[in-house]
Amino acid sequence: MKKAIVFDLYGTLIDIHTDEDNDLFWQQMTLYYGYFGAHFTDLKKSYEEAVEVYLKKESAEYPDIDLLDVFNHLFMDKGIIVDKTTLLETATMFRLLSTDYVQLYPYAEALLKLLNRSKLKVILLSNAQSSFTLNELKYTGIEKYFDKLYLSSDYKISKPDKKFYEIMLEKEQLKPEECIYIGNDHTTDIKGANAVGMDSIYLYTNCSSDMDENFECQYKIIPGDLNEVINIMQKWI
């Protein structure tokens, strides 16, 4: 008997496109840091080097970091001390300037509403930065539908590491067979769910990587129509 539906976010419920390689983006971020007296000749390079420094500190097979640490590192590198509020504002600026669009996929909210009315737990388990994602959940209006959020930046571990799934299962007091995972990436979402013994639904969306290998899951929905997921869920609730 299923007790929980566990979701990926980006490419599954939220359609988003970001570009962190855009020269104008880095010019704008360089200007932003400069306003605080933190002047960089190549902010992109300094940012990427800082990301690598923090990733190497983590011992997980698939580590993640909190980018707030990176943003703070960049300020401190120039002798600038800032508070948590400024770091969150920096994260917001970083995300806004690098984002082309962010929107829900069709039927995403209808699916979440359906599940929210059921006895099933609705859980988010996503490779994501909390400093970005919490704002985007509010912007799209779906934060209220989740019983619990598990974001990789908070745990310094990311999918497909089975330990990330196991953390969620332990905290929620769930068994793998009581959950079904819904995601759009077979190399992270489905691979991780399979590794821990969790059933899964795969959605092929515009954000999915090419399916270059065979993989097992309970349902493959190609193209990734969330209305099909609604039809499946109505059989269970």
Protein backbone atom coordinates (compact mmCIF):
# COMPACT_ATOMS: atom_id res chain seq x y z
CA MET A 1 0.00 0.00 0.00
CA LYS A 2 1.37 3.39 -1.00
CA LYS A 3 1.69 6.01 1.69
CA ALA A 4 3.71 8.72 -0.05
CA ILE A 5 4.30 10.31 -3.44
CA VAL A 6 7.79 11.75 -3.75
CA PHE A 7 8.51 14.34 -6.42
CA ASP A 8 11.43 15.75 -8.27
CA LEU A 9 10.83 19.46 -8.97
CA TYR A 10 12.64 21.01 -11.92
CA GLY A 11 11.70 19.39 -15.21
CA THR A 12 8.92 17.46 -13.47
CA LEU A 13 6.57 20.00 -11.90
CA ILE A 14 8.35 23.25 -12.74
CA ASP A 15 9.52 24.12 -16.24
CA ILE A 16 12.55 26.39 -15.95
CA HIS A 17 15.40 27.60 -18.11
CA THR A 18 18.51 29.21 -16.67
CA ASP A 19 21.73 30.29 -18.33
CA GLU A 20 24.75 30.73 -16.10
CA ASP A 21 27.14 30.96 -19.04
CA ASN A 22 25.72 34.19 -20.38
CA ASP A 23 28.33 36.98 -20.46
CA LEU A 24 25.76 39.66 -19.63
CA PHE A 25 24.72 37.70 -16.54
CA TRP A 26 28.28 37.69 -15.20
CA GLN A 27 28.73 41.36 -16.04
CA GLN A 28 25.64 42.15 -13.98
CA MET A 29 26.76 39.96 -11.08
CA THR A 30 30.21 41.57 -11.20
CA LEU A 31 28.52 44.96 -10.94
CA TYR A 32 26.39 43.69 -8.04
CA TYR A 33 29.43 42.51 -6.07
CA GLY A 34 31.20 45.75 -6.93
CA TYR A 35 28.44 47.74 -5.24
CA PHE A 36 29.59 46.15 -1.98
CA GLY A 37 33.22 46.96 -2.69
CA ALA A 38 33.99 43.40 -3.83
CA HIS A 39 35.61 43.98 -7.21
CA PHE A 40 36.41 41.05 -9.51
CA THR A 41 38.15 40.93 -12.88
CA ASP A 42 36.74 37.44 -13.61
CA LEU A 43 33.86 36.67 -11.25
CA LYS A 44 32.77 33.59 -13.21
CA LYS A 45 36.18 31.97 -12.74
CA SER A 46 36.29 32.89 -9.05
CA TYR A 47 32.78 31.49 -8.57
CA GLU A 48 33.59 28.19 -10.29
CA GLU A 49 36.80 27.79 -8.28
CA ALA A 50 34.89 28.41 -5.03
CA VAL A 51 32.27 25.81 -6.00
CA GLU A 52 35.03 23.25 -6.51
CA VAL A 53 36.59 24.09 -3.15
CA TYR A 54 33.32 23.43 -1.31
CA LEU A 55 32.47 20.30 -3.31
CA LYS A 56 35.82 18.78 -2.36
CA LYS A 57 34.99 19.25 1.31
CA GLU A 58 32.05 16.85 1.04
CA SER A 59 32.53 13.09 1.32
CA ALA A 60 29.33 11.88 -0.38
CA GLU A 61 29.54 9.99 -3.65
CA TYR A 62 27.20 12.59 -5.16
CA PRO A 63 27.83 15.71 -3.07
CA ASP A 64 26.06 19.03 -3.13
CA ILE A 65 26.83 22.34 -1.48
CA ASP A 66 24.93 25.36 -0.23
CA LEU A 67 25.67 28.18 -2.68
CA LEU A 68 25.24 30.68 0.14
CA ASP A 69 28.65 29.47 1.30
CA VAL A 70 30.07 30.23 -2.13
CA PHE A 71 28.53 33.70 -2.28
CA ASN A 72 29.93 34.41 1.19
CA HIS A 73 33.34 33.07 0.16
CA LEU A 74 33.43 35.54 -2.73
CA PHE A 75 32.65 38.48 -0.44
CA MET A 76 35.21 37.38 2.13
CA ASP A 77 37.83 36.91 -0.59
CA LYS A 78 37.65 40.68 -1.06
CA GLY A 79 37.57 41.43 2.66
CA ILE A 80 33.85 42.19 2.74
CA ILE A 81 31.74 40.92 5.66
CA VAL A 82 28.01 40.55 4.96
CA ASP A 83 25.08 39.17 6.92
CA LYS A 84 22.70 36.29 6.10
CA THR A 85 20.10 38.67 4.66
CA THR A 86 22.60 40.02 2.15
CA LEU A 87 23.61 36.48 1.17
CA LEU A 88 19.97 35.56 0.54
CA GLU A 89 19.54 38.74 -1.51
CA THR A 90 22.67 37.79 -3.48
CA ALA A 91 21.22 34.34 -4.17
CA THR A 92 17.97 35.92 -5.35
CA MET A 93 19.84 38.30 -7.64
CA PHE A 94 21.94 35.43 -9.01
CA ARG A 95 18.86 33.35 -9.78
CA LEU A 96 16.77 36.16 -11.24
CA LEU A 97 19.50 37.36 -13.57
CA SER A 98 20.25 33.85 -14.84
CA THR A 99 16.62 32.75 -15.32
CA ASP A 100 14.84 33.10 -18.65
CA TYR A 101 11.53 31.73 -17.38
CA VAL A 102 9.98 29.65 -14.62
CA GLN A 103 6.47 28.20 -14.81
CA LEU A 104 4.43 25.16 -13.88
CA TYR A 105 3.90 22.35 -16.33
CA PRO A 106 0.27 21.82 -17.37
CA TYR A 107 -1.71 19.84 -14.76
CA ALA A 108 1.05 20.19 -12.13
CA GLU A 109 -1.14 22.03 -9.65
CA ALA A 110 -4.15 19.84 -10.43
CA LEU A 111 -2.07 16.76 -9.62
CA LEU A 112 -0.81 18.23 -6.36
CA LYS A 113 -4.31 19.30 -5.35
CA LEU A 114 -5.59 15.78 -6.00
CA LEU A 115 -2.86 14.24 -3.87
CA ASN A 116 -3.28 16.86 -1.18
CA ARG A 117 -6.90 15.79 -0.72
CA SER A 118 -5.85 12.16 -0.31
CA LYS A 119 -4.28 10.39 2.66
CA LEU A 120 -0.95 10.18 0.83
CA LYS A 121 2.03 12.20 2.00
CA VAL A 122 3.33 14.56 -0.67
CA ILE A 123 7.10 14.98 -0.43
CA LEU A 124 9.64 16.90 -2.48
CA LEU A 125 13.09 15.31 -2.87
CA SER A 126 15.06 17.41 -5.30
CA ASN A 127 18.57 18.38 -6.32
CA ALA A 128 18.09 22.04 -5.59
CA GLN A 129 19.31 25.08 -3.70
CA SER A 130 16.95 26.08 -0.91
CA SER A 131 17.85 29.75 -1.41
CA PHE A 132 16.44 29.48 -4.95
CA THR A 133 13.77 26.83 -4.59
CA LEU A 134 11.78 28.22 -1.67
CA ASN A 135 11.17 31.42 -3.65
CA GLU A 136 10.21 29.50 -6.79
CA LEU A 137 7.78 27.30 -4.89
CA LYS A 138 6.12 30.46 -3.57
CA TYR A 139 6.16 32.11 -7.00
CA THR A 140 4.44 29.14 -8.64
CA GLY A 141 2.06 28.77 -5.71
CA ILE A 142 2.71 25.10 -4.97
CA GLU A 143 4.65 25.22 -1.69
CA LYS A 144 1.44 24.66 0.27
CA TYR A 145 0.89 21.22 -1.27
CA PHE A 146 4.01 19.58 0.16
CA ASP A 147 4.14 17.92 3.54
CA LYS A 148 7.95 18.02 3.62
CA LEU A 149 10.82 19.33 1.49
CA TYR A 150 14.16 17.57 1.07
CA LEU A 151 16.57 19.75 -0.90
CA SER A 152 20.08 18.61 -1.71
CA SER A 153 21.74 21.86 -0.60
CA ASP A 154 20.39 21.33 2.93
CA TYR A 155 21.84 17.82 3.21
CA LYS A 156 25.03 18.27 1.12
CA ILE A 157 24.10 15.17 -0.86
CA SER A 158 22.27 14.75 -4.14
CA LYS A 159 20.45 12.23 -6.32
CA PRO A 160 21.10 9.54 -7.42
CA ASP A 161 22.87 8.85 -4.12
CA LYS A 162 20.67 6.31 -2.34
CA LYS A 163 21.65 7.87 0.98
CA PHE A 164 19.63 10.96 0.08
CA TYR A 165 16.54 8.82 -0.40
CA GLU A 166 17.30 6.89 2.78
CA ILE A 167 17.48 10.11 4.80
CA MET A 168 13.98 10.98 3.65
CA LEU A 169 12.64 7.48 4.33
CA GLU A 170 14.07 7.43 7.84
CA LYS A 171 12.82 10.90 8.75
CA GLU A 172 9.35 10.21 7.36
CA GLN A 173 9.25 6.68 8.84
CA LEU A 174 8.46 5.19 5.44
CA LYS A 175 9.50 1.98 3.72
CA PRO A 176 10.65 2.14 0.07
CA GLU A 177 7.74 -0.02 -1.08
CA GLU A 178 5.33 2.49 0.45
CA CYS A 179 6.53 5.26 -1.87
CA ILE A 180 6.53 6.07 -5.53
CA TYR A 181 8.98 8.57 -6.99
CA ILE A 182 8.06 10.84 -9.91
CA GLY A 183 10.85 12.45 -11.91
CA ASN A 184 12.07 13.40 -15.35
CA ASP A 185 15.69 12.22 -15.27
CA HIS A 186 16.45 8.52 -15.61
CA THR A 187 20.10 8.98 -14.58
CA THR A 188 19.28 10.61 -11.25
CA ASP A 189 15.59 10.34 -10.31
CA ILE A 190 14.86 6.82 -11.51
CA LYS A 191 18.33 5.41 -10.87
CA GLY A 192 18.23 6.63 -7.27
CA ALA A 193 14.70 5.35 -6.69
CA ASN A 194 15.63 1.95 -8.10
CA ALA A 195 18.74 1.77 -5.91
CA VAL A 196 16.71 2.16 -2.74
CA GLY A 197 13.86 -0.12 -3.86
CA MET A 198 11.28 2.55 -4.54
CA ASP A 199 8.72 2.36 -7.38
CA SER A 200 8.88 5.18 -9.90
CA ILE A 201 7.17 7.08 -12.69
CA TYR A 202 9.35 8.55 -15.40
CA LEU A 203 8.28 11.65 -17.33
CA TYR A 204 10.10 12.62 -20.50
CA THR A 205 9.91 16.44 -20.61
CA ASN A 206 11.71 19.28 -22.36
CA CYS A 207 14.22 19.26 -19.46
CA SER A 208 14.98 15.52 -19.65
CA SER A 209 18.33 14.18 -20.79
CA ASP A 210 18.41 11.77 -23.72
CA MET A 211 17.42 8.23 -22.79
CA ASP A 212 20.72 6.59 -23.69
CA GLU A 213 20.15 3.42 -21.69
CA ASN A 214 17.43 0.98 -20.69
CA PHE A 215 16.04 1.47 -17.22
CA GLU A 216 13.27 -0.02 -15.16
CA CYS A 217 10.31 1.88 -13.74
CA GLN A 218 6.62 1.26 -13.20
CA TYR A 219 5.47 3.79 -15.79
CA LYS A 220 7.21 5.66 -18.61
CA ILE A 221 5.19 8.63 -19.80
CA ILE A 222 6.52 9.95 -23.11
CA PRO A 223 5.89 12.81 -23.61
CA GLY A 224 5.68 13.77 -19.97
CA ASP A 225 1.99 14.59 -19.61
CA LEU A 226 1.09 15.11 -15.95
CA ASN A 227 -2.55 14.46 -16.78
CA GLU A 228 -1.51 10.84 -17.33
CA VAL A 229 -0.09 10.82 -13.81
CA ILE A 230 -3.43 12.11 -12.53
CA ASN A 231 -5.13 9.15 -14.22
CA ILE A 232 -2.73 6.74 -12.56
CA MET A 233 -3.14 8.34 -9.12
CA GLN A 234 -6.91 8.21 -9.30
CA LYS A 235 -6.65 4.43 -9.23
CA TRP A 236 -4.85 4.55 -5.89
CA ILE A 237 -6.66 7.19 -3.85
